[in-house]
């Protein structure tokens, strides 16, 4: 008996917490924190829109309801990406 291959992994990234300081996401190999002072567009966004995140390619995250896309490098080193949304 042969099993059919499983569908694509839809749990590659997950928002694990939204706090008064920022947003935590869990990827396949690490947990990342996005403080509001560096990622201000999340601060007043509805929780449901923040929780709706996709990993379109490894290490690249997209929030379709907010039209925000970020890579691991920009989350870990926001100082290298000085442009912030107003």
PDB file of N, CA and C in Angstrom:
ATOM      1  N   UNK A   1       0.841  -1.177   0.000  1.00  0.00           N
ATOM      2  CA  UNK A   1       0.000   0.000   0.000  1.00  0.00           C
ATOM      3  C   UNK A   1       0.886   1.241   0.000  1.00  0.00           C
ATOM      4  N   UNK A   2       0.618   2.155  -0.886  1.00  0.00           N
ATOM      5  CA  UNK A   2       1.366   3.408  -0.949  1.00  0.00           C
ATOM      6  C   UNK A   2       0.493   4.553  -0.467  1.00  0.00           C
ATOM      7  N   UNK A   3       1.053   5.375   0.372  1.00  0.00           N
ATOM      8  CA  UNK A   3       0.331   6.559   0.831  1.00  0.00           C
ATOM      9  C   UNK A   3       0.622   7.713  -0.099  1.00  0.00           C
ATOM     10  N   UNK A   4      -0.360   8.548  -0.289  1.00  0.00           N
ATOM     11  CA  UNK A   4      -0.140   9.753  -1.085  1.00  0.00           C
ATOM     12  C   UNK A   4       0.666  10.734  -0.253  1.00  0.00           C
ATOM     13  N   UNK A   5       1.473  11.567  -0.910  1.00  0.00           N
ATOM     14  CA  UNK A   5       2.246  12.552  -0.147  1.00  0.00           C
ATOM     15  C   UNK A   5       1.322  13.535   0.560  1.00  0.00           C
ATOM     16  N   UNK A   6       1.788  13.996   1.686  1.00  0.00           N
ATOM     17  CA  UNK A   6       1.023  14.978   2.443  1.00  0.00           C
ATOM     18  C   UNK A   6       0.993  16.296   1.692  1.00  0.00           C
ATOM     19  N   UNK A   7       0.019  17.141   2.010  1.00  0.00           N
ATOM     20  CA  UNK A   7      -0.061  18.477   1.419  1.00  0.00           C
ATOM     21  C   UNK A   7       1.059  19.353   1.927  1.00  0.00           C
ATOM     22  N   UNK A   8       1.093  20.594   1.437  1.00  0.00           N
ATOM     23  CA  UNK A   8       2.178  21.476   1.848  1.00  0.00           C
ATOM     24  C   UNK A   8       2.020  21.875   3.308  1.00  0.00           C
ATOM     25  N   UNK A   9       3.128  22.127   3.953  1.00  0.00           N
ATOM     26  CA  UNK A   9       3.152  22.507   5.355  1.00  0.00           C
ATOM     27  C   UNK A   9       2.606  23.917   5.501  1.00  0.00           C
ATOM     28  N   UNK A  10       1.498  24.052   6.209  1.00  0.00           N
ATOM     29  CA  UNK A  10       0.914  25.375   6.412  1.00  0.00           C
ATOM     30  C   UNK A  10       1.236  25.918   7.798  1.00  0.00           C
ATOM     31  N   UNK A  11       2.015  25.192   8.574  1.00  0.00           N
ATOM     32  CA  UNK A  11       2.360  25.615   9.925  1.00  0.00           C
ATOM     33  C   UNK A  11       3.811  26.052  10.034  1.00  0.00           C
ATOM     34  N   UNK A  12       4.397  26.492   8.947  1.00  0.00           N
ATOM     35  CA  UNK A  12       5.805  26.869   8.965  1.00  0.00           C
ATOM     36  C   UNK A  12       6.052  28.102   9.817  1.00  0.00           C
ATOM     37  N   UNK A  13       5.075  28.966   9.962  1.00  0.00           N
ATOM     38  CA  UNK A  13       5.211  30.154  10.800  1.00  0.00           C
ATOM     39  C   UNK A  13       3.907  30.344  11.568  1.00  0.00           C
ATOM     40  N   UNK A  14       4.057  30.798  12.817  1.00  0.00           N
ATOM     41  CA  UNK A  14       2.893  30.993  13.674  1.00  0.00           C
ATOM     42  C   UNK A  14       3.141  32.186  14.580  1.00  0.00           C
ATOM     43  N   UNK A  15       2.160  33.050  14.706  1.00  0.00           N
ATOM     44  CA  UNK A  15       2.228  34.122  15.697  1.00  0.00           C
ATOM     45  C   UNK A  15       1.901  33.470  17.032  1.00  0.00           C
ATOM     46  N   UNK A  16       2.834  33.560  17.985  1.00  0.00           N
ATOM     47  CA  UNK A  16       2.628  32.904  19.277  1.00  0.00           C
ATOM     48  C   UNK A  16       2.164  33.860  20.358  1.00  0.00           C
ATOM     49  N   UNK A  17       2.419  35.162  20.177  1.00  0.00           N
ATOM     50  CA  UNK A  17       1.982  36.127  21.190  1.00  0.00           C
ATOM     51  C   UNK A  17       1.940  37.528  20.608  1.00  0.00           C
ATOM     52  N   UNK A  18       0.935  38.267  21.052  1.00  0.00           N
ATOM     53  CA  UNK A  18       0.844  39.696  20.777  1.00  0.00           C
ATOM     54  C   UNK A  18       0.802  40.354  22.148  1.00  0.00           C
ATOM     55  N   UNK A  19       1.842  41.123  22.469  1.00  0.00           N
ATOM     56  CA  UNK A  19       1.934  41.740  23.787  1.00  0.00           C
ATOM     57  C   UNK A  19       1.901  43.258  23.657  1.00  0.00           C
ATOM     58  N   UNK A  20       1.955  43.948  24.778  1.00  0.00           N
ATOM     59  CA  UNK A  20       1.976  45.413  24.727  1.00  0.00           C
ATOM     60  C   UNK A  20       3.303  45.936  24.195  1.00  0.00           C
ATOM     61  N   UNK A  21       4.298  45.056  24.062  1.00  0.00           N
ATOM     62  CA  UNK A  21       5.620  45.453  23.573  1.00  0.00           C
ATOM     63  C   UNK A  21       5.874  45.081  22.114  1.00  0.00           C
ATOM     64  N   UNK A  22       5.166  44.072  21.608  1.00  0.00           N
ATOM     65  CA  UNK A  22       5.405  43.641  20.240  1.00  0.00           C
ATOM     66  C   UNK A  22       4.773  42.296  19.931  1.00  0.00           C
ATOM     67  N   UNK A  23       5.234  41.702  18.844  1.00  0.00           N
ATOM     68  CA  UNK A  23       4.674  40.455  18.324  1.00  0.00           C
ATOM     69  C   UNK A  23       5.764  39.388  18.282  1.00  0.00           C
ATOM     70  N   UNK A  24       5.424  38.184  18.746  1.00  0.00           N
ATOM     71  CA  UNK A  24       6.320  37.029  18.691  1.00  0.00           C
ATOM     72  C   UNK A  24       5.844  36.092  17.598  1.00  0.00           C
ATOM     73  N   UNK A  25       6.774  35.615  16.757  1.00  0.00           N
ATOM     74  CA  UNK A  25       6.431  34.591  15.774  1.00  0.00           C
ATOM     75  C   UNK A  25       7.378  33.403  15.933  1.00  0.00           C
ATOM     76  N   UNK A  26       6.842  32.225  15.673  1.00  0.00           N
ATOM     77  CA  UNK A  26       7.611  30.987  15.735  1.00  0.00           C
ATOM     78  C   UNK A  26       7.739  30.444  14.322  1.00  0.00           C
ATOM     79  N   UNK A  27       8.986  30.250  13.893  1.00  0.00           N
ATOM     80  CA  UNK A  27       9.242  29.667  12.579  1.00  0.00           C
ATOM     81  C   UNK A  27       9.671  28.226  12.791  1.00  0.00           C
ATOM     82  N   UNK A  28      10.046  27.575  11.741  1.00  0.00           N
ATOM     83  CA  UNK A  28      10.429  26.165  11.860  1.00  0.00           C
ATOM     84  C   UNK A  28      11.666  25.954  12.714  1.00  0.00           C
ATOM     85  N   UNK A  29      12.521  26.983  12.855  1.00  0.00           N
ATOM     86  CA  UNK A  29      13.759  26.770  13.607  1.00  0.00           C
ATOM     87  C   UNK A  29      14.071  27.817  14.672  1.00  0.00           C
ATOM     88  N   UNK A  30      13.193  28.805  14.867  1.00  0.00           N
ATOM     89  CA  UNK A  30      13.479  29.824  15.888  1.00  0.00           C
ATOM     90  C   UNK A  30      12.243  30.644  16.210  1.00  0.00           C
ATOM     91  N   UNK A  31      12.344  31.376  17.324  1.00  0.00           N
ATOM     92  CA  UNK A  31      11.297  32.316  17.701  1.00  0.00           C
ATOM     93  C   UNK A  31      11.850  33.724  17.524  1.00  0.00           C
ATOM     94  N   UNK A  32      11.055  34.596  16.935  1.00  0.00           N
ATOM     95  CA  UNK A  32      11.479  35.960  16.637  1.00  0.00           C
ATOM     96  C   UNK A  32      10.536  36.953  17.304  1.00  0.00           C
ATOM     97  N   UNK A  33      11.105  38.073  17.760  1.00  0.00           N
ATOM     98  CA  UNK A  33      10.312  39.129  18.385  1.00  0.00           C
ATOM     99  C   UNK A  33      10.375  40.379  17.527  1.00  0.00           C
ATOM    100  N   UNK A  34       9.216  40.997  17.311  1.00  0.00           N
ATOM    101  CA  UNK A  34       9.135  42.235  16.541  1.00  0.00           C
ATOM    102  C   UNK A  34       8.575  43.328  17.446  1.00  0.00           C
ATOM    103  N   UNK A  35       9.457  44.159  18.041  1.00  0.00           N
ATOM    104  CA  UNK A  35       8.979  45.232  18.918  1.00  0.00           C
ATOM    105  C   UNK A  35       8.265  46.313  18.104  1.00  0.00           C
ATOM    106  N   UNK A  36       7.244  46.914  18.699  1.00  0.00           N
ATOM    107  CA  UNK A  36       6.473  47.934  17.997  1.00  0.00           C
ATOM    108  C   UNK A  36       7.306  49.146  17.606  1.00  0.00           C
ATOM    109  N   UNK A  37       8.349  49.460  18.376  1.00  0.00           N
ATOM    110  CA  UNK A  37       9.161  50.625  18.004  1.00  0.00           C
ATOM    111  C   UNK A  37       9.905  50.401  16.688  1.00  0.00           C
ATOM    112  N   UNK A  38      10.152  49.150  16.330  1.00  0.00           N
ATOM    113  CA  UNK A  38      10.797  48.834  15.054  1.00  0.00           C
ATOM    114  C   UNK A  38       9.788  48.416  13.978  1.00  0.00           C
ATOM    115  N   UNK A  39       8.645  47.921  14.388  1.00  0.00           N
ATOM    116  CA  UNK A  39       7.617  47.424  13.468  1.00  0.00           C
ATOM    117  C   UNK A  39       6.267  48.041  13.853  1.00  0.00           C
ATOM    118  N   UNK A  40       6.136  49.358  13.712  1.00  0.00           N
ATOM    119  CA  UNK A  40       4.979  50.080  14.250  1.00  0.00           C
ATOM    120  C   UNK A  40       3.647  49.737  13.589  1.00  0.00           C
ATOM    121  N   UNK A  41       3.668  49.215  12.376  1.00  0.00           N
ATOM    122  CA  UNK A  41       2.410  48.928  11.691  1.00  0.00           C
ATOM    123  C   UNK A  41       1.621  47.805  12.336  1.00  0.00           C
ATOM    124  N   UNK A  42       2.239  47.023  13.230  1.00  0.00           N
ATOM    125  CA  UNK A  42       1.513  45.971  13.944  1.00  0.00           C
ATOM    126  C   UNK A  42       0.809  46.492  15.200  1.00  0.00           C
ATOM    127  N   UNK A  43       1.239  47.628  15.724  1.00  0.00           N
ATOM    128  CA  UNK A  43       0.783  48.087  17.042  1.00  0.00           C
ATOM    129  C   UNK A  43      -0.732  48.214  17.156  1.00  0.00           C
ATOM    130  N   UNK A  44      -1.384  48.791  16.197  1.00  0.00           N
ATOM    131  CA  UNK A  44      -2.829  48.998  16.282  1.00  0.00           C
ATOM    132  C   UNK A  44      -3.620  48.110  15.327  1.00  0.00           C
ATOM    133  N   UNK A  45      -2.956  47.124  14.766  1.00  0.00           N
ATOM    134  CA  UNK A  45      -3.640  46.203  13.853  1.00  0.00           C
ATOM    135  C   UNK A  45      -4.494  45.216  14.647  1.00  0.00           C
ATOM    136  N   UNK A  46      -5.639  44.829  14.115  1.00  0.00           N
ATOM    137  CA  UNK A  46      -6.464  43.821  14.789  1.00  0.00           C
ATOM    138  C   UNK A  46      -5.710  42.490  14.914  1.00  0.00           C
ATOM    139  N   UNK A  47      -5.912  41.826  16.032  1.00  0.00           N
ATOM    140  CA  UNK A  47      -5.209  40.564  16.296  1.00  0.00           C
ATOM    141  C   UNK A  47      -5.423  39.547  15.182  1.00  0.00           C
ATOM    142  N   UNK A  48      -6.631  39.430  14.681  1.00  0.00           N
ATOM    143  CA  UNK A  48      -6.913  38.458  13.627  1.00  0.00           C
ATOM    144  C   UNK A  48      -6.077  38.681  12.384  1.00  0.00           C
ATOM    145  N   UNK A  49      -5.795  39.941  12.079  1.00  0.00           N
ATOM    146  CA  UNK A  49      -4.974  40.247  10.906  1.00  0.00           C
ATOM    147  C   UNK A  49      -3.504  39.949  11.168  1.00  0.00           C
ATOM    148  N   UNK A  50      -3.067  40.101  12.409  1.00  0.00           N
ATOM    149  CA  UNK A  50      -1.682  39.774  12.760  1.00  0.00           C
ATOM    150  C   UNK A  50      -1.479  38.259  12.755  1.00  0.00           C
ATOM    151  N   UNK A  51      -2.458  37.523  13.262  1.00  0.00           N
ATOM    152  CA  UNK A  51      -2.343  36.066  13.298  1.00  0.00           C
ATOM    153  C   UNK A  51      -2.362  35.437  11.908  1.00  0.00           C
ATOM    154  N   UNK A  52      -2.891  36.126  10.928  1.00  0.00           N
ATOM    155  CA  UNK A  52      -2.955  35.596   9.563  1.00  0.00           C
ATOM    156  C   UNK A  52      -1.638  35.879   8.847  1.00  0.00           C
ATOM    157  N   UNK A  53      -0.668  35.001   9.045  1.00  0.00           N
ATOM    158  CA  UNK A  53       0.665  35.154   8.449  1.00  0.00           C
ATOM    159  C   UNK A  53       1.012  33.899   7.658  1.00  0.00           C
ATOM    160  N   UNK A  54       1.730  34.091   6.570  1.00  0.00           N
ATOM    161  CA  UNK A  54       2.156  32.982   5.709  1.00  0.00           C
ATOM    162  C   UNK A  54       3.664  33.051   5.521  1.00  0.00           C
ATOM    163  N   UNK A  55       4.284  31.897   5.395  1.00  0.00           N
ATOM    164  CA  UNK A  55       5.698  31.846   5.021  1.00  0.00           C
ATOM    165  C   UNK A  55       5.733  31.482   3.543  1.00  0.00           C
ATOM    166  N   UNK A  56       5.856  32.497   2.694  1.00  0.00           N
ATOM    167  CA  UNK A  56       5.772  32.283   1.250  1.00  0.00           C
ATOM    168  C   UNK A  56       6.978  31.545   0.701  1.00  0.00           C
ATOM    169  N   UNK A  57       8.140  31.852   1.220  1.00  0.00           N
ATOM    170  CA  UNK A  57       9.367  31.118   0.930  1.00  0.00           C
ATOM    171  C   UNK A  57      10.100  31.002   2.255  1.00  0.00           C
ATOM    172  N   UNK A  58      11.028  30.083   2.403  1.00  0.00           N
ATOM    173  CA  UNK A  58      11.720  29.946   3.684  1.00  0.00           C
ATOM    174  C   UNK A  58      12.329  31.273   4.148  1.00  0.00           C
ATOM    175  N   UNK A  59      11.925  31.689   5.348  1.00  0.00           N
ATOM    176  CA  UNK A  59      12.461  32.910   5.928  1.00  0.00           C
ATOM    177  C   UNK A  59      11.827  34.195   5.441  1.00  0.00           C
ATOM    178  N   UNK A  60      10.731  34.101   4.685  1.00  0.00           N
ATOM    179  CA  UNK A  60      10.045  35.291   4.175  1.00  0.00           C
ATOM    180  C   UNK A  60       8.569  35.198   4.558  1.00  0.00           C
ATOM    181  N   UNK A  61       8.108  36.163   5.364  1.00  0.00           N
ATOM    182  CA  UNK A  61       6.764  36.116   5.933  1.00  0.00           C
ATOM    183  C   UNK A  61       5.883  37.210   5.342  1.00  0.00           C
ATOM    184  N   UNK A  62       4.608  36.875   5.146  1.00  0.00           N
ATOM    185  CA  UNK A  62       3.666  37.816   4.544  1.00  0.00           C
ATOM    186  C   UNK A  62       2.359  37.812   5.324  1.00  0.00           C
ATOM    187  N   UNK A  63       1.899  38.999   5.660  1.00  0.00           N
ATOM    188  CA  UNK A  63       0.622  39.216   6.317  1.00  0.00           C
ATOM    189  C   UNK A  63      -0.325  39.773   5.259  1.00  0.00           C
ATOM    190  N   UNK A  64      -1.121  38.923   4.590  1.00  0.00           N
ATOM    191  CA  UNK A  64      -1.949  39.385   3.478  1.00  0.00           C
ATOM    192  C   UNK A  64      -2.999  40.421   3.873  1.00  0.00           C
ATOM    193  N   UNK A  65      -3.554  40.321   5.066  1.00  0.00           N
ATOM    194  CA  UNK A  65      -4.574  41.278   5.494  1.00  0.00           C
ATOM    195  C   UNK A  65      -3.995  42.660   5.773  1.00  0.00           C
ATOM    196  N   UNK A  66      -2.679  42.724   6.012  1.00  0.00           N
ATOM    197  CA  UNK A  66      -2.011  43.991   6.314  1.00  0.00           C
ATOM    198  C   UNK A  66      -1.092  44.437   5.179  1.00  0.00           C
ATOM    199  N   UNK A  67      -0.910  43.593   4.177  1.00  0.00           N
ATOM    200  CA  UNK A  67       0.009  43.829   3.060  1.00  0.00           C
ATOM    201  C   UNK A  67       1.418  44.167   3.555  1.00  0.00           C
ATOM    202  N   UNK A  68       1.901  43.333   4.478  1.00  0.00           N
ATOM    203  CA  UNK A  68       3.245  43.487   5.050  1.00  0.00           C
ATOM    204  C   UNK A  68       4.029  42.228   4.725  1.00  0.00           C
ATOM    205  N   UNK A  69       5.241  42.404   4.227  1.00  0.00           N
ATOM    206  CA  UNK A  69       6.118  41.251   4.054  1.00  0.00           C
ATOM    207  C   UNK A  69       7.480  41.578   4.646  1.00  0.00           C
ATOM    208  N   UNK A  70       8.006  40.613   5.394  1.00  0.00           N
ATOM    209  CA  UNK A  70       9.272  40.772   6.107  1.00  0.00           C
ATOM    210  C   UNK A  70      10.097  39.502   5.977  1.00  0.00           C
ATOM    211  N   UNK A  71      11.394  39.672   5.949  1.00  0.00           N
ATOM    212  CA  UNK A  71      12.311  38.548   5.969  1.00  0.00           C
ATOM    213  C   UNK A  71      12.933  38.400   7.345  1.00  0.00           C
ATOM    214  N   UNK A  72      13.490  37.229   7.613  1.00  0.00           N
ATOM    215  CA  UNK A  72      14.137  36.979   8.900  1.00  0.00           C
ATOM    216  C   UNK A  72      15.214  38.024   9.173  1.00  0.00           C
ATOM    217  N   UNK A  73      16.013  38.356   8.162  1.00  0.00           N
ATOM    218  CA  UNK A  73      17.093  39.323   8.374  1.00  0.00           C
ATOM    219  C   UNK A  73      16.555  40.683   8.809  1.00  0.00           C
ATOM    220  N   UNK A  74      15.457  41.128   8.227  1.00  0.00           N
ATOM    221  CA  UNK A  74      14.909  42.431   8.621  1.00  0.00           C
ATOM    222  C   UNK A  74      14.304  42.391  10.018  1.00  0.00           C
ATOM    223  N   UNK A  75      13.855  41.232  10.456  1.00  0.00           N
ATOM    224  CA  UNK A  75      13.328  41.096  11.819  1.00  0.00           C
ATOM    225  C   UNK A  75      14.479  41.031  12.822  1.00  0.00           C
ATOM    226  N   UNK A  76      15.513  40.255  12.511  1.00  0.00           N
ATOM    227  CA  UNK A  76      16.648  40.121  13.426  1.00  0.00           C
ATOM    228  C   UNK A  76      17.545  41.357  13.443  1.00  0.00           C
ATOM    229  N   UNK A  77      17.607  42.091  12.332  1.00  0.00           N
ATOM    230  CA  UNK A  77      18.494  43.255  12.218  1.00  0.00           C
ATOM    231  C   UNK A  77      17.749  44.442  11.616  1.00  0.00           C
ATOM    232  N   UNK A  78      16.756  44.978  12.321  1.00  0.00           N
ATOM    233  CA  UNK A  78      15.976  46.081  11.747  1.00  0.00           C
ATOM    234  C   UNK A  78      16.807  47.330  11.466  1.00  0.00           C
ATOM    235  N   UNK A  79      17.946  47.471  12.132  1.00  0.00           N
ATOM    236  CA  UNK A  79      18.804  48.638  11.900  1.00  0.00           C
ATOM    237  C   UNK A  79      19.365  48.659  10.475  1.00  0.00           C
ATOM    238  N   UNK A  80      19.401  47.516   9.825  1.00  0.00           N
ATOM    239  CA  UNK A  80      19.871  47.443   8.437  1.00  0.00           C
ATOM    240  C   UNK A  80      18.787  47.876   7.443  1.00  0.00           C
ATOM    241  N   UNK A  81      17.579  48.013   7.937  1.00  0.00           N
ATOM    242  CA  UNK A  81      16.423  48.370   7.104  1.00  0.00           C
ATOM    243  C   UNK A  81      15.724  49.563   7.752  1.00  0.00           C
ATOM    244  N   UNK A  82      16.269  50.761   7.586  1.00  0.00           N
ATOM    245  CA  UNK A  82      15.804  51.918   8.357  1.00  0.00           C
ATOM    246  C   UNK A  82      14.440  52.479   7.975  1.00  0.00           C
ATOM    247  N   UNK A  83      13.874  52.067   6.874  1.00  0.00           N
ATOM    248  CA  UNK A  83      12.586  52.627   6.469  1.00  0.00           C
ATOM    249  C   UNK A  83      11.457  51.964   7.239  1.00  0.00           C
ATOM    250  N   UNK A  84      10.689  52.777   7.932  1.00  0.00           N
ATOM    251  CA  UNK A  84       9.561  52.287   8.711  1.00  0.00           C
ATOM    252  C   UNK A  84       8.280  52.892   8.165  1.00  0.00           C
ATOM    253  N   UNK A  85       7.197  52.158   8.285  1.00  0.00           N
ATOM    254  CA  UNK A  85       5.898  52.695   7.898  1.00  0.00           C
ATOM    255  C   UNK A  85       5.482  53.753   8.907  1.00  0.00           C
ATOM    256  N   UNK A  86       4.799  54.748   8.448  1.00  0.00           N
ATOM    257  CA  UNK A  86       4.316  55.813   9.344  1.00  0.00           C
ATOM    258  C   UNK A  86       2.867  55.567   9.686  1.00  0.00           C
TER     259      UNK A  86
END
